[in-house]
């Protein structure tokens, strides 16, 4: 907040900004903690790799692929 106010030309100190924010009950949004989502040591079967990274096809609708790098788990 202090940096943003300073960039906009508002003369204020870091401690003053902190005091005013505290007085008005304004808190900075905390960054979410990094959460590991990959579970490599599971006992579930792994799907076979039928394409073997050969993504080209001779005609349409022969090869379908997608990326599920991350699936939201609520």
PDB file of N, CA and C in Angstrom:
ATOM      1  N   UNK A   1       0.831  -1.186   0.000  1.00  0.00           N
ATOM      2  CA  UNK A   1       0.000   0.000   0.000  1.00  0.00           C
ATOM      3  C   UNK A   1       0.875   1.248   0.000  1.00  0.00           C
ATOM      4  N   UNK A   2       1.921   1.230   0.824  1.00  0.00           N
ATOM      5  CA  UNK A   2       2.814   2.381   0.916  1.00  0.00           C
ATOM      6  C   UNK A   2       3.453   2.675  -0.437  1.00  0.00           C
ATOM      7  N   UNK A   3       3.924   1.642  -1.122  1.00  0.00           N
ATOM      8  CA  UNK A   3       4.551   1.840  -2.426  1.00  0.00           C
ATOM      9  C   UNK A   3       3.570   2.411  -3.440  1.00  0.00           C
ATOM     10  N   UNK A   4       2.331   1.916  -3.408  1.00  0.00           N
ATOM     11  CA  UNK A   4       1.315   2.404  -4.352  1.00  0.00           C
ATOM     12  C   UNK A   4       1.005   3.884  -4.096  1.00  0.00           C
ATOM     13  N   UNK A   5       0.855   4.252  -2.839  1.00  0.00           N
ATOM     14  CA  UNK A   5       0.587   5.657  -2.508  1.00  0.00           C
ATOM     15  C   UNK A   5       1.763   6.539  -2.921  1.00  0.00           C
ATOM     16  N   UNK A   6       2.981   6.062  -2.664  1.00  0.00           N
ATOM     17  CA  UNK A   6       4.169   6.834  -3.033  1.00  0.00           C
ATOM     18  C   UNK A   6       4.245   7.011  -4.550  1.00  0.00           C
ATOM     19  N   UNK A   7       3.923   5.939  -5.296  1.00  0.00           N
ATOM     20  CA  UNK A   7       3.945   6.033  -6.763  1.00  0.00           C
ATOM     21  C   UNK A   7       2.904   7.018  -7.285  1.00  0.00           C
ATOM     22  N   UNK A   8       1.806   7.165  -6.550  1.00  0.00           N
ATOM     23  CA  UNK A   8       0.753   8.107  -6.961  1.00  0.00           C
ATOM     24  C   UNK A   8       1.014   9.531  -6.473  1.00  0.00           C
ATOM     25  N   UNK A   9       2.136   9.740  -5.776  1.00  0.00           N
ATOM     26  CA  UNK A   9       2.520  11.082  -5.347  1.00  0.00           C
ATOM     27  C   UNK A   9       1.962  11.498  -4.010  1.00  0.00           C
ATOM     28  N   UNK A  10       1.452  10.575  -3.231  1.00  0.00           N
ATOM     29  CA  UNK A  10       0.921  10.901  -1.904  1.00  0.00           C
ATOM     30  C   UNK A  10       2.068  10.813  -0.905  1.00  0.00           C
ATOM     31  N   UNK A  11       2.405  11.913  -0.234  1.00  0.00           N
ATOM     32  CA  UNK A  11       3.508  11.872   0.721  1.00  0.00           C
ATOM     33  C   UNK A  11       3.065  11.181   2.022  1.00  0.00           C
ATOM     34  N   UNK A  12       3.654  10.036   2.312  1.00  0.00           N
ATOM     35  CA  UNK A  12       3.318   9.317   3.537  1.00  0.00           C
ATOM     36  C   UNK A  12       4.437   8.341   3.857  1.00  0.00           C
ATOM     37  N   UNK A  13       4.520   7.995   5.116  1.00  0.00           N
ATOM     38  CA  UNK A  13       5.531   7.038   5.563  1.00  0.00           C
ATOM     39  C   UNK A  13       4.932   5.652   5.723  1.00  0.00           C
ATOM     40  N   UNK A  14       5.798   4.667   5.750  1.00  0.00           N
ATOM     41  CA  UNK A  14       5.361   3.273   5.844  1.00  0.00           C
ATOM     42  C   UNK A  14       4.601   3.017   7.150  1.00  0.00           C
ATOM     43  N   UNK A  15       5.106   3.576   8.243  1.00  0.00           N
ATOM     44  CA  UNK A  15       4.470   3.345   9.543  1.00  0.00           C
ATOM     45  C   UNK A  15       3.131   4.073   9.653  1.00  0.00           C
ATOM     46  N   UNK A  16       3.034   5.223   9.039  1.00  0.00           N
ATOM     47  CA  UNK A  16       1.760   5.953   9.057  1.00  0.00           C
ATOM     48  C   UNK A  16       0.699   5.171   8.303  1.00  0.00           C
ATOM     49  N   UNK A  17       1.073   4.628   7.152  1.00  0.00           N
ATOM     50  CA  UNK A  17       0.128   3.825   6.365  1.00  0.00           C
ATOM     51  C   UNK A  17      -0.313   2.623   7.185  1.00  0.00           C
ATOM     52  N   UNK A  18       0.622   1.965   7.853  1.00  0.00           N
ATOM     53  CA  UNK A  18       0.291   0.802   8.679  1.00  0.00           C
ATOM     54  C   UNK A  18      -0.651   1.197   9.811  1.00  0.00           C
ATOM     55  N   UNK A  19      -0.415   2.326  10.451  1.00  0.00           N
ATOM     56  CA  UNK A  19      -1.245   2.784  11.564  1.00  0.00           C
ATOM     57  C   UNK A  19      -2.666   3.124  11.102  1.00  0.00           C
ATOM     58  N   UNK A  20      -2.774   3.816   9.964  1.00  0.00           N
ATOM     59  CA  UNK A  20      -4.096   4.194   9.448  1.00  0.00           C
ATOM     60  C   UNK A  20      -4.867   2.945   9.010  1.00  0.00           C
ATOM     61  N   UNK A  21      -4.189   2.020   8.357  1.00  0.00           N
ATOM     62  CA  UNK A  21      -4.847   0.784   7.940  1.00  0.00           C
ATOM     63  C   UNK A  21      -5.338   0.009   9.168  1.00  0.00           C
ATOM     64  N   UNK A  22      -4.503  -0.079  10.197  1.00  0.00           N
ATOM     65  CA  UNK A  22      -4.881  -0.787  11.421  1.00  0.00           C
ATOM     66  C   UNK A  22      -6.084  -0.110  12.083  1.00  0.00           C
ATOM     67  N   UNK A  23      -6.106   1.223  12.101  1.00  0.00           N
ATOM     68  CA  UNK A  23      -7.203   1.961  12.724  1.00  0.00           C
ATOM     69  C   UNK A  23      -8.533   1.731  12.009  1.00  0.00           C
ATOM     70  N   UNK A  24      -8.475   1.495  10.705  1.00  0.00           N
ATOM     71  CA  UNK A  24      -9.695   1.290   9.922  1.00  0.00           C
ATOM     72  C   UNK A  24     -10.007  -0.184   9.686  1.00  0.00           C
ATOM     73  N   UNK A  25      -9.219  -1.053  10.288  1.00  0.00           N
ATOM     74  CA  UNK A  25      -9.468  -2.482  10.157  1.00  0.00           C
ATOM     75  C   UNK A  25      -9.144  -3.031   8.774  1.00  0.00           C
ATOM     76  N   UNK A  26      -8.235  -2.365   8.058  1.00  0.00           N
ATOM     77  CA  UNK A  26      -7.849  -2.817   6.721  1.00  0.00           C
ATOM     78  C   UNK A  26      -6.617  -3.701   6.859  1.00  0.00           C
ATOM     79  N   UNK A  27      -6.698  -4.894   6.294  1.00  0.00           N
ATOM     80  CA  UNK A  27      -5.569  -5.818   6.349  1.00  0.00           C
ATOM     81  C   UNK A  27      -5.158  -6.206   4.934  1.00  0.00           C
ATOM     82  N   UNK A  28      -3.873  -6.425   4.764  1.00  0.00           N
ATOM     83  CA  UNK A  28      -3.361  -6.856   3.464  1.00  0.00           C
ATOM     84  C   UNK A  28      -3.818  -8.283   3.195  1.00  0.00           C
ATOM     85  N   UNK A  29      -4.077  -8.571   1.933  1.00  0.00           N
ATOM     86  CA  UNK A  29      -4.475  -9.923   1.561  1.00  0.00           C
ATOM     87  C   UNK A  29      -3.238 -10.813   1.617  1.00  0.00           C
ATOM     88  N   UNK A  30      -3.329 -11.892   2.355  1.00  0.00           N
ATOM     89  CA  UNK A  30      -2.199 -12.804   2.516  1.00  0.00           C
ATOM     90  C   UNK A  30      -2.086 -13.717   1.305  1.00  0.00           C
ATOM     91  N   UNK A  31      -0.868 -13.989   0.901  1.00  0.00           N
ATOM     92  CA  UNK A  31      -0.633 -14.915  -0.209  1.00  0.00           C
ATOM     93  C   UNK A  31      -0.981 -16.326   0.253  1.00  0.00           C
ATOM     94  N   UNK A  32      -1.590 -17.091  -0.635  1.00  0.00           N
ATOM     95  CA  UNK A  32      -1.930 -18.465  -0.280  1.00  0.00           C
ATOM     96  C   UNK A  32      -0.670 -19.315  -0.214  1.00  0.00           C
ATOM     97  N   UNK A  33      -0.681 -20.252   0.707  1.00  0.00           N
ATOM     98  CA  UNK A  33       0.448 -21.143   0.888  1.00  0.00           C
ATOM     99  C   UNK A  33       0.535 -22.108  -0.290  1.00  0.00           C
ATOM    100  N   UNK A  34       1.760 -22.394  -0.743  1.00  0.00           N
ATOM    101  CA  UNK A  34       1.951 -23.337  -1.838  1.00  0.00           C
ATOM    102  C   UNK A  34       1.520 -24.713  -1.377  1.00  0.00           C
ATOM    103  N   UNK A  35       0.752 -25.378  -2.197  1.00  0.00           N
ATOM    104  CA  UNK A  35       0.228 -26.689  -1.844  1.00  0.00           C
ATOM    105  C   UNK A  35       0.642 -27.689  -2.915  1.00  0.00           C
ATOM    106  N   UNK A  36       1.300 -28.761  -2.505  1.00  0.00           N
ATOM    107  CA  UNK A  36       1.726 -29.794  -3.440  1.00  0.00           C
ATOM    108  C   UNK A  36       0.499 -30.610  -3.827  1.00  0.00           C
ATOM    109  N   UNK A  37       0.260 -30.737  -5.135  1.00  0.00           N
ATOM    110  CA  UNK A  37      -0.921 -31.463  -5.596  1.00  0.00           C
ATOM    111  C   UNK A  37      -0.580 -32.774  -6.284  1.00  0.00           C
ATOM    112  N   UNK A  38       0.678 -32.977  -6.616  1.00  0.00           N
ATOM    113  CA  UNK A  38       1.080 -34.201  -7.297  1.00  0.00           C
ATOM    114  C   UNK A  38       1.364 -35.287  -6.271  1.00  0.00           C
ATOM    115  N   UNK A  39       0.748 -36.414  -6.448  1.00  0.00           N
ATOM    116  CA  UNK A  39       0.972 -37.554  -5.559  1.00  0.00           C
ATOM    117  C   UNK A  39       1.583 -38.685  -6.380  1.00  0.00           C
ATOM    118  N   UNK A  40       2.902 -38.744  -6.431  1.00  0.00           N
ATOM    119  CA  UNK A  40       3.583 -39.728  -7.262  1.00  0.00           C
ATOM    120  C   UNK A  40       3.618 -41.111  -6.626  1.00  0.00           C
ATOM    121  N   UNK A  41       3.515 -41.179  -5.322  1.00  0.00           N
ATOM    122  CA  UNK A  41       3.632 -42.470  -4.643  1.00  0.00           C
ATOM    123  C   UNK A  41       2.300 -43.143  -4.392  1.00  0.00           C
ATOM    124  N   UNK A  42       1.383 -43.095  -5.331  1.00  0.00           N
ATOM    125  CA  UNK A  42       0.076 -43.712  -5.133  1.00  0.00           C
ATOM    126  C   UNK A  42       0.078 -45.147  -5.659  1.00  0.00           C
ATOM    127  N   UNK A  43      -0.937 -45.910  -5.274  1.00  0.00           N
ATOM    128  CA  UNK A  43      -1.041 -47.314  -5.699  1.00  0.00           C
ATOM    129  C   UNK A  43      -2.029 -47.493  -6.838  1.00  0.00           C
ATOM    130  N   UNK A  44      -2.535 -46.397  -7.397  1.00  0.00           N
ATOM    131  CA  UNK A  44      -3.517 -46.481  -8.485  1.00  0.00           C
ATOM    132  C   UNK A  44      -2.828 -46.848  -9.799  1.00  0.00           C
ATOM    133  N   UNK A  45      -3.530 -47.553 -10.672  1.00  0.00           N
ATOM    134  CA  UNK A  45      -2.908 -47.898 -11.955  1.00  0.00           C
ATOM    135  C   UNK A  45      -2.715 -46.650 -12.825  1.00  0.00           C
ATOM    136  N   UNK A  46      -1.657 -46.644 -13.608  1.00  0.00           N
ATOM    137  CA  UNK A  46      -1.344 -45.532 -14.497  1.00  0.00           C
ATOM    138  C   UNK A  46      -1.816 -45.909 -15.898  1.00  0.00           C
ATOM    139  N   UNK A  47      -2.512 -44.991 -16.570  1.00  0.00           N
ATOM    140  CA  UNK A  47      -3.029 -45.255 -17.911  1.00  0.00           C
ATOM    141  C   UNK A  47      -1.876 -45.451 -18.888  1.00  0.00           C
ATOM    142  N   UNK A  48      -2.023 -46.376 -19.826  1.00  0.00           N
ATOM    143  CA  UNK A  48      -0.943 -46.607 -20.793  1.00  0.00           C
ATOM    144  C   UNK A  48      -0.796 -45.433 -21.758  1.00  0.00           C
ATOM    145  N   UNK A  49       0.414 -45.208 -22.237  1.00  0.00           N
ATOM    146  CA  UNK A  49       0.712 -44.122 -23.162  1.00  0.00           C
ATOM    147  C   UNK A  49       0.624 -44.660 -24.596  1.00  0.00           C
ATOM    148  N   UNK A  50      -0.549 -44.586 -25.171  1.00  0.00           N
ATOM    149  CA  UNK A  50      -0.765 -45.130 -26.509  1.00  0.00           C
ATOM    150  C   UNK A  50      -0.124 -44.280 -27.604  1.00  0.00           C
ATOM    151  N   UNK A  51       0.000 -42.976 -27.379  1.00  0.00           N
ATOM    152  CA  UNK A  51       0.556 -42.099 -28.416  1.00  0.00           C
ATOM    153  C   UNK A  51       2.075 -42.111 -28.450  1.00  0.00           C
ATOM    154  N   UNK A  52       2.717 -42.365 -27.340  1.00  0.00           N
ATOM    155  CA  UNK A  52       4.179 -42.332 -27.236  1.00  0.00           C
ATOM    156  C   UNK A  52       4.738 -41.039 -27.845  1.00  0.00           C
ATOM    157  N   UNK A  53       4.073 -39.922 -27.541  1.00  0.00           N
ATOM    158  CA  UNK A  53       4.449 -38.565 -27.973  1.00  0.00           C
ATOM    159  C   UNK A  53       4.400 -38.375 -29.490  1.00  0.00           C
ATOM    160  N   UNK A  54       3.729 -39.245 -30.213  1.00  0.00           N
ATOM    161  CA  UNK A  54       3.523 -39.076 -31.654  1.00  0.00           C
ATOM    162  C   UNK A  54       2.176 -38.394 -31.836  1.00  0.00           C
ATOM    163  N   UNK A  55       2.169 -37.053 -31.792  1.00  0.00           N
ATOM    164  CA  UNK A  55       0.920 -36.298 -31.768  1.00  0.00           C
ATOM    165  C   UNK A  55       0.348 -36.006 -33.151  1.00  0.00           C
ATOM    166  N   UNK A  56       1.038 -36.348 -34.202  1.00  0.00           N
ATOM    167  CA  UNK A  56       0.515 -36.061 -35.535  1.00  0.00           C
ATOM    168  C   UNK A  56      -0.396 -37.202 -35.982  1.00  0.00           C
ATOM    169  N   UNK A  57      -1.427 -36.859 -36.750  1.00  0.00           N
ATOM    170  CA  UNK A  57      -2.381 -37.853 -37.250  1.00  0.00           C
ATOM    171  C   UNK A  57      -2.536 -37.671 -38.752  1.00  0.00           C
ATOM    172  N   UNK A  58      -2.871 -38.751 -39.433  1.00  0.00           N
ATOM    173  CA  UNK A  58      -3.008 -38.686 -40.887  1.00  0.00           C
ATOM    174  C   UNK A  58      -4.368 -38.157 -41.314  1.00  0.00           C
ATOM    175  N   UNK A  59      -5.346 -38.167 -40.421  1.00  0.00           N
ATOM    176  CA  UNK A  59      -6.687 -37.676 -40.727  1.00  0.00           C
ATOM    177  C   UNK A  59      -7.296 -37.082 -39.459  1.00  0.00           C
ATOM    178  N   UNK A  60      -8.328 -36.257 -39.612  1.00  0.00           N
ATOM    179  CA  UNK A  60      -8.970 -35.675 -38.432  1.00  0.00           C
ATOM    180  C   UNK A  60      -9.670 -36.746 -37.587  1.00  0.00           C
ATOM    181  N   UNK A  61      -9.802 -36.476 -36.322  1.00  0.00           N
ATOM    182  CA  UNK A  61     -10.565 -37.281 -35.368  1.00  0.00           C
ATOM    183  C   UNK A  61      -9.938 -38.649 -35.095  1.00  0.00           C
ATOM    184  N   UNK A  62      -8.650 -38.790 -35.283  1.00  0.00           N
ATOM    185  CA  UNK A  62      -7.974 -40.048 -34.958  1.00  0.00           C
ATOM    186  C   UNK A  62      -7.266 -39.972 -33.605  1.00  0.00           C
ATOM    187  N   UNK A  63      -6.740 -38.817 -33.290  1.00  0.00           N
ATOM    188  CA  UNK A  63      -6.000 -38.642 -32.049  1.00  0.00           C
ATOM    189  C   UNK A  63      -6.590 -37.465 -31.298  1.00  0.00           C
ATOM    190  N   UNK A  64      -6.997 -37.708 -30.063  1.00  0.00           N
ATOM    191  CA  UNK A  64      -7.480 -36.641 -29.191  1.00  0.00           C
ATOM    192  C   UNK A  64      -6.512 -36.538 -28.027  1.00  0.00           C
ATOM    193  N   UNK A  65      -6.198 -35.293 -27.650  1.00  0.00           N
ATOM    194  CA  UNK A  65      -5.293 -35.112 -26.526  1.00  0.00           C
ATOM    195  C   UNK A  65      -5.678 -33.848 -25.773  1.00  0.00           C
ATOM    196  N   UNK A  66      -5.188 -33.770 -24.564  1.00  0.00           N
ATOM    197  CA  UNK A  66      -5.449 -32.603 -23.738  1.00  0.00           C
ATOM    198  C   UNK A  66      -4.413 -32.512 -22.648  1.00  0.00           C
ATOM    199  N   UNK A  67      -4.505 -31.448 -21.864  1.00  0.00           N
ATOM    200  CA  UNK A  67      -3.547 -31.226 -20.794  1.00  0.00           C
ATOM    201  C   UNK A  67      -4.306 -31.070 -19.490  1.00  0.00           C
ATOM    202  N   UNK A  68      -4.063 -31.934 -18.544  1.00  0.00           N
ATOM    203  CA  UNK A  68      -4.696 -31.823 -17.234  1.00  0.00           C
ATOM    204  C   UNK A  68      -3.594 -31.636 -16.191  1.00  0.00           C
ATOM    205  N   UNK A  69      -2.732 -30.646 -16.452  1.00  0.00           N
ATOM    206  CA  UNK A  69      -1.614 -30.382 -15.554  1.00  0.00           C
ATOM    207  C   UNK A  69      -2.109 -30.150 -14.132  1.00  0.00           C
ATOM    208  N   UNK A  70      -3.224 -29.457 -13.989  1.00  0.00           N
ATOM    209  CA  UNK A  70      -3.756 -29.186 -12.656  1.00  0.00           C
ATOM    210  C   UNK A  70      -5.262 -29.222 -12.700  1.00  0.00           C
ATOM    211  N   UNK A  71      -5.860 -29.986 -11.840  1.00  0.00           N
ATOM    212  CA  UNK A  71      -7.303 -30.054 -11.716  1.00  0.00           C
ATOM    213  C   UNK A  71      -7.653 -29.553 -10.325  1.00  0.00           C
ATOM    214  N   UNK A  72      -8.494 -28.532 -10.233  1.00  0.00           N
ATOM    215  CA  UNK A  72      -8.855 -27.925  -8.955  1.00  0.00           C
ATOM    216  C   UNK A  72      -9.574 -28.935  -8.074  1.00  0.00           C
ATOM    217  N   UNK A  73      -9.094 -29.074  -6.858  1.00  0.00           N
ATOM    218  CA  UNK A  73      -9.689 -29.977  -5.885  1.00  0.00           C
ATOM    219  C   UNK A  73     -10.163 -29.138  -4.711  1.00  0.00           C
ATOM    220  N   UNK A  74     -11.439 -28.898  -4.633  1.00  0.00           N
ATOM    221  CA  UNK A  74     -11.963 -28.030  -3.569  1.00  0.00           C
ATOM    222  C   UNK A  74     -12.051 -28.696  -2.272  1.00  0.00           C
TER     223      UNK A  74
END
